[in-house]
Amino acid sequence: MKLLYQTYESSSPLEAREVLERIERLLSHEGVEYITCGLRVASTSTPIVILGFQPKLHTRKNWVGLNPFAFVTSVDIHCEPVEGTSARVTIRINRRRAILHVAFWGTCGALMAQAMPEPAGVILFGGMLLAAWFSIVKFLAGHLVKQEIMDEVGVRASGVVGRRSWALPFR
């Protein structure tokens, strides 16, 4: 399902085994439990954060300071060797938890909008829903997860691999 799953693909100048080792180190540092099978890493549990001051929510790996893996249900990363010593990396992100966060904020917006006059309530509800969708689902549970993995395997947006291969969904 396109709404729940987002897939990204890129290539790395590193060998597939080294890419997986770096990704495993990143997932361990961010509190994600995972299993490995061959050249695939799949998360079994991502950090669940209830309160905003829990240490699992915060990280120093990105400029936002939030652990993006706390907003996704699972991450599945597959590497396959390609010509030479490079690897093709495919990241599949399950965003169900992020969509539930948006549903929560949408419900809060709907409850607040009921107490307001008609046009202002609609604007508030729509604004809250759009802000939650783009900040949680698109940014935290999409771009930021991809960016942390991309930084960990040494692929920069202006470096070896062009920005377009990461920016566009694979499927």
C-alpha atoms as a PDB file:
ATOM      1  CA  MET A   1       0.000   0.000   0.000  1.00  0.00           C
ATOM      2  CA  LYS A   2       1.499   3.311  -1.097  1.00  0.00           C
ATOM      3  CA  LEU A   3       0.199   5.213   1.911  1.00  0.00           C
ATOM      4  CA  LEU A   4       1.691   2.906   4.539  1.00  0.00           C
ATOM      5  CA  TYR A   5       4.962   1.983   2.861  1.00  0.00           C
ATOM      6  CA  GLN A   6       7.570   4.250   1.317  1.00  0.00           C
ATOM      7  CA  THR A   7      10.482   2.765  -0.620  1.00  0.00           C
ATOM      8  CA  TYR A   8      13.768   4.503  -1.427  1.00  0.00           C
ATOM      9  CA  GLU A   9      16.649   3.226  -3.486  1.00  0.00           C
ATOM     10  CA  SER A  10      20.236   4.330  -3.990  1.00  0.00           C
ATOM     11  CA  SER A  11      23.709   3.047  -4.573  1.00  0.00           C
ATOM     12  CA  SER A  12      26.657   3.262  -2.238  1.00  0.00           C
ATOM     13  CA  PRO A  13      30.361   3.217  -3.095  1.00  0.00           C
ATOM     14  CA  LEU A  14      30.912   0.777  -0.203  1.00  0.00           C
ATOM     15  CA  GLU A  15      30.633  -2.994  -0.341  1.00  0.00           C
ATOM     16  CA  ALA A  16      27.273  -4.481   0.629  1.00  0.00           C
ATOM     17  CA  ARG A  17      28.617  -6.115   3.805  1.00  0.00           C
ATOM     18  CA  GLU A  18      30.147  -2.848   5.042  1.00  0.00           C
ATOM     19  CA  VAL A  19      26.916  -0.971   4.271  1.00  0.00           C
ATOM     20  CA  LEU A  20      24.975  -3.472   6.388  1.00  0.00           C
ATOM     21  CA  GLU A  21      27.451  -3.188   9.265  1.00  0.00           C
ATOM     22  CA  ARG A  22      27.076   0.596   9.282  1.00  0.00           C
ATOM     23  CA  ILE A  23      23.281   0.346   9.145  1.00  0.00           C
ATOM     24  CA  GLU A  24      23.290  -2.168  12.020  1.00  0.00           C
ATOM     25  CA  ARG A  25      25.424   0.236  14.074  1.00  0.00           C
ATOM     26  CA  LEU A  26      22.981   3.086  13.332  1.00  0.00           C
ATOM     27  CA  LEU A  27      19.927   1.021  14.263  1.00  0.00           C
ATOM     28  CA  SER A  28      21.553  -0.118  17.519  1.00  0.00           C
ATOM     29  CA  HIS A  29      22.457   3.465  18.406  1.00  0.00           C
ATOM     30  CA  GLU A  30      18.887   4.657  17.748  1.00  0.00           C
ATOM     31  CA  GLY A  31      17.313   1.919  19.909  1.00  0.00           C
ATOM     32  CA  VAL A  32      15.924  -0.205  17.069  1.00  0.00           C
ATOM     33  CA  GLU A  33      15.907  -3.973  17.518  1.00  0.00           C
ATOM     34  CA  TYR A  34      16.575  -5.832  14.278  1.00  0.00           C
ATOM     35  CA  ILE A  35      17.381  -9.167  12.665  1.00  0.00           C
ATOM     36  CA  THR A  36      19.734  -9.843   9.792  1.00  0.00           C
ATOM     37  CA  CYS A  37      19.442 -12.451   7.099  1.00  0.00           C
ATOM     38  CA  GLY A  38      22.081 -12.454   4.409  1.00  0.00           C
ATOM     39  CA  LEU A  39      22.238  -8.958   2.965  1.00  0.00           C
ATOM     40  CA  ARG A  40      18.977  -7.802   4.565  1.00  0.00           C
ATOM     41  CA  VAL A  41      18.294  -5.983   7.842  1.00  0.00           C
ATOM     42  CA  ALA A  42      14.729  -5.851   9.144  1.00  0.00           C
ATOM     43  CA  SER A  43      13.623  -4.107  12.303  1.00  0.00           C
ATOM     44  CA  THR A  44      11.643  -6.156  14.792  1.00  0.00           C
ATOM     45  CA  SER A  45      10.944  -3.315  17.223  1.00  0.00           C
ATOM     46  CA  THR A  46      11.330   0.445  17.010  1.00  0.00           C
ATOM     47  CA  PRO A  47      11.375   2.744  20.055  1.00  0.00           C
ATOM     48  CA  ILE A  48       7.928   3.608  21.394  1.00  0.00           C
ATOM     49  CA  VAL A  49       7.805   7.046  22.965  1.00  0.00           C
ATOM     50  CA  ILE A  50       4.851   8.219  25.031  1.00  0.00           C
ATOM     51  CA  LEU A  51       6.221  11.349  26.682  1.00  0.00           C
ATOM     52  CA  GLY A  52       8.250  14.066  24.983  1.00  0.00           C
ATOM     53  CA  PHE A  53      11.087  14.016  27.511  1.00  0.00           C
ATOM     54  CA  GLN A  54      11.968  10.316  27.179  1.00  0.00           C
ATOM     55  CA  PRO A  55      15.595   9.845  26.050  1.00  0.00           C
ATOM     56  CA  LYS A  56      14.556   7.443  23.260  1.00  0.00           C
ATOM     57  CA  LEU A  57      12.907  10.347  21.417  1.00  0.00           C
ATOM     58  CA  HIS A  58      16.069  12.424  21.130  1.00  0.00           C
ATOM     59  CA  THR A  59      19.253  11.900  19.130  1.00  0.00           C
ATOM     60  CA  ARG A  60      22.318  13.810  18.001  1.00  0.00           C
ATOM     61  CA  LYS A  61      22.419  12.133  14.584  1.00  0.00           C
ATOM     62  CA  ASN A  62      20.367  14.817  12.798  1.00  0.00           C
ATOM     63  CA  TRP A  63      19.781  18.555  12.950  1.00  0.00           C
ATOM     64  CA  VAL A  64      16.241  18.214  14.303  1.00  0.00           C
ATOM     65  CA  GLY A  65      17.305  16.314  17.422  1.00  0.00           C
ATOM     66  CA  LEU A  66      14.469  13.782  17.140  1.00  0.00           C
ATOM     67  CA  ASN A  67      14.882  10.053  16.653  1.00  0.00           C
ATOM     68  CA  PRO A  68      12.978   9.409  13.401  1.00  0.00           C
ATOM     69  CA  PHE A  69      12.773   5.681  14.113  1.00  0.00           C
ATOM     70  CA  ALA A  70      10.341   6.466  16.954  1.00  0.00           C
ATOM     71  CA  PHE A  71       7.814   7.574  14.329  1.00  0.00           C
ATOM     72  CA  VAL A  72       7.928   4.487  12.089  1.00  0.00           C
ATOM     73  CA  THR A  73       6.582   1.000  12.656  1.00  0.00           C
ATOM     74  CA  SER A  74       9.401  -0.846  10.886  1.00  0.00           C
ATOM     75  CA  VAL A  75      12.307  -0.453   8.495  1.00  0.00           C
ATOM     76  CA  ASP A  76      13.482  -3.082   6.006  1.00  0.00           C
ATOM     77  CA  ILE A  77      16.842  -2.507   4.323  1.00  0.00           C
ATOM     78  CA  HIS A  78      18.131  -4.708   1.529  1.00  0.00           C
ATOM     79  CA  CYS A  79      21.594  -4.475  -0.023  1.00  0.00           C
ATOM     80  CA  GLU A  80      22.746  -6.187  -3.148  1.00  0.00           C
ATOM     81  CA  PRO A  81      26.216  -6.052  -4.634  1.00  0.00           C
ATOM     82  CA  VAL A  82      26.571  -4.472  -8.043  1.00  0.00           C
ATOM     83  CA  GLU A  83      29.508  -4.167 -10.399  1.00  0.00           C
ATOM     84  CA  GLY A  84      32.822  -3.496  -8.711  1.00  0.00           C
ATOM     85  CA  THR A  85      32.771  -2.805  -4.994  1.00  0.00           C
ATOM     86  CA  SER A  86      29.551  -0.829  -4.790  1.00  0.00           C
ATOM     87  CA  ALA A  87      26.149  -1.821  -3.447  1.00  0.00           C
ATOM     88  CA  ARG A  88      22.542  -1.063  -4.284  1.00  0.00           C
ATOM     89  CA  VAL A  89      20.558  -0.149  -1.159  1.00  0.00           C
ATOM     90  CA  THR A  90      16.767  -0.403  -0.944  1.00  0.00           C
ATOM     91  CA  ILE A  91      14.982   1.018   2.111  1.00  0.00           C
ATOM     92  CA  ARG A  92      11.326   0.187   2.799  1.00  0.00           C
ATOM     93  CA  ILE A  93       9.701   2.180   5.604  1.00  0.00           C
ATOM     94  CA  ASN A  94       6.413   1.178   7.249  1.00  0.00           C
ATOM     95  CA  ARG A  95       4.794   4.478   8.310  1.00  0.00           C
ATOM     96  CA  ARG A  96       1.736   3.105  10.146  1.00  0.00           C
ATOM     97  CA  ARG A  97       2.771   4.655  13.481  1.00  0.00           C
ATOM     98  CA  ALA A  98       3.257   8.063  11.862  1.00  0.00           C
ATOM     99  CA  ILE A  99      -0.205   7.873  10.301  1.00  0.00           C
ATOM    100  CA  LEU A 100      -1.655   7.083  13.736  1.00  0.00           C
ATOM    101  CA  HIS A 101       0.105  10.191  15.101  1.00  0.00           C
ATOM    102  CA  VAL A 102      -1.560  12.229  12.352  1.00  0.00           C
ATOM    103  CA  ALA A 103      -4.937  10.673  13.211  1.00  0.00           C
ATOM    104  CA  PHE A 104      -4.446  11.723  16.836  1.00  0.00           C
ATOM    105  CA  TRP A 105      -3.644  15.315  15.850  1.00  0.00           C
ATOM    106  CA  GLY A 106      -6.551  15.307  13.398  1.00  0.00           C
ATOM    107  CA  THR A 107      -8.887  14.242  16.196  1.00  0.00           C
ATOM    108  CA  CYS A 108      -7.524  16.995  18.442  1.00  0.00           C
ATOM    109  CA  GLY A 109      -8.032  19.507  15.636  1.00  0.00           C
ATOM    110  CA  ALA A 110     -11.588  18.302  15.045  1.00  0.00           C
ATOM    111  CA  LEU A 111     -12.452  18.661  18.731  1.00  0.00           C
ATOM    112  CA  MET A 112     -11.027  22.181  18.833  1.00  0.00           C
ATOM    113  CA  ALA A 113     -12.739  23.118  15.561  1.00  0.00           C
ATOM    114  CA  GLN A 114     -16.154  22.177  16.965  1.00  0.00           C
ATOM    115  CA  ALA A 115     -15.876  24.973  19.508  1.00  0.00           C
ATOM    116  CA  MET A 116     -15.117  27.589  16.834  1.00  0.00           C
ATOM    117  CA  PRO A 117     -17.277  29.345  14.247  1.00  0.00           C
ATOM    118  CA  GLU A 118     -17.607  27.561  10.875  1.00  0.00           C
ATOM    119  CA  PRO A 119     -14.866  29.033   8.650  1.00  0.00           C
ATOM    120  CA  ALA A 120     -12.276  29.352  11.419  1.00  0.00           C
ATOM    121  CA  GLY A 121     -12.874  25.776  12.597  1.00  0.00           C
ATOM    122  CA  VAL A 122     -12.449  24.372   9.097  1.00  0.00           C
ATOM    123  CA  ILE A 123      -9.245  26.349   8.600  1.00  0.00           C
ATOM    124  CA  LEU A 124      -7.883  25.211  11.967  1.00  0.00           C
ATOM    125  CA  PHE A 125      -8.740  21.559  11.297  1.00  0.00           C
ATOM    126  CA  GLY A 126      -7.265  21.625   7.791  1.00  0.00           C
ATOM    127  CA  GLY A 127      -4.160  23.459   8.943  1.00  0.00           C
ATOM    128  CA  MET A 128      -3.510  21.047  11.805  1.00  0.00           C
ATOM    129  CA  LEU A 129      -4.030  18.036   9.554  1.00  0.00           C
ATOM    130  CA  LEU A 130      -1.697  19.355   6.855  1.00  0.00           C
ATOM    131  CA  ALA A 131       0.959  20.387   9.370  1.00  0.00           C
ATOM    132  CA  ALA A 132       0.827  16.984  11.066  1.00  0.00           C
ATOM    133  CA  TRP A 133       0.939  15.107   7.741  1.00  0.00           C
ATOM    134  CA  PHE A 134       3.914  16.952   6.325  1.00  0.00           C
ATOM    135  CA  SER A 135       5.900  17.180   9.567  1.00  0.00           C
ATOM    136  CA  ILE A 136       5.318  13.650  10.873  1.00  0.00           C
ATOM    137  CA  VAL A 137       4.643  11.378   7.883  1.00  0.00           C
ATOM    138  CA  LYS A 138       6.577  13.078   5.108  1.00  0.00           C
ATOM    139  CA  PHE A 139       9.468  14.585   7.083  1.00  0.00           C
ATOM    140  CA  LEU A 140      10.095  12.526  10.237  1.00  0.00           C
ATOM    141  CA  ALA A 141       8.929   9.110   8.997  1.00  0.00           C
ATOM    142  CA  GLY A 142      10.230   9.550   5.465  1.00  0.00           C
ATOM    143  CA  HIS A 143      12.944  12.044   4.708  1.00  0.00           C
ATOM    144  CA  LEU A 144      14.709  11.968   8.074  1.00  0.00           C
ATOM    145  CA  VAL A 145      14.906   8.146   8.255  1.00  0.00           C
ATOM    146  CA  LYS A 146      16.271   8.055   4.720  1.00  0.00           C
ATOM    147  CA  GLN A 147      18.720  10.877   5.456  1.00  0.00           C
ATOM    148  CA  GLU A 148      20.129   9.206   8.580  1.00  0.00           C
ATOM    149  CA  ILE A 149      20.702   5.944   6.705  1.00  0.00           C
ATOM    150  CA  MET A 150      22.173   7.829   3.755  1.00  0.00           C
ATOM    151  CA  ASP A 151      24.581   9.712   6.033  1.00  0.00           C
ATOM    152  CA  GLU A 152      25.589   6.498   7.787  1.00  0.00           C
ATOM    153  CA  VAL A 153      26.552   4.693   4.574  1.00  0.00           C
ATOM    154  CA  GLY A 154      28.508   7.712   3.373  1.00  0.00           C
ATOM    155  CA  VAL A 155      26.285   8.844   0.522  1.00  0.00           C
ATOM    156  CA  ARG A 156      25.887  12.613   0.395  1.00  0.00           C
ATOM    157  CA  ALA A 157      23.254  14.426  -1.629  1.00  0.00           C
ATOM    158  CA  SER A 158      25.937  16.238  -3.625  1.00  0.00           C
ATOM    159  CA  GLY A 159      28.456  13.377  -3.549  1.00  0.00           C
ATOM    160  CA  VAL A 160      28.755  10.033  -5.266  1.00  0.00           C
ATOM    161  CA  VAL A 161      25.053   9.445  -5.787  1.00  0.00           C
ATOM    162  CA  GLY A 162      22.838  12.202  -7.104  1.00  0.00           C
ATOM    163  CA  ARG A 163      20.017  13.672  -5.076  1.00  0.00           C
ATOM    164  CA  ARG A 164      17.347  12.332  -7.441  1.00  0.00           C
ATOM    165  CA  SER A 165      17.890   8.642  -6.704  1.00  0.00           C
ATOM    166  CA  TRP A 166      17.031   9.213  -3.016  1.00  0.00           C
ATOM    167  CA  ALA A 167      14.399  11.871  -3.511  1.00  0.00           C
ATOM    168  CA  LEU A 168      12.121   9.842  -5.770  1.00  0.00           C
ATOM    169  CA  PRO A 169      10.249   6.781  -4.525  1.00  0.00           C
ATOM    170  CA  PHE A 170      11.356   3.523  -6.093  1.00  0.00           C
ATOM    171  CA  ARG A 171       7.885   2.231  -6.931  1.00  0.00           C
END
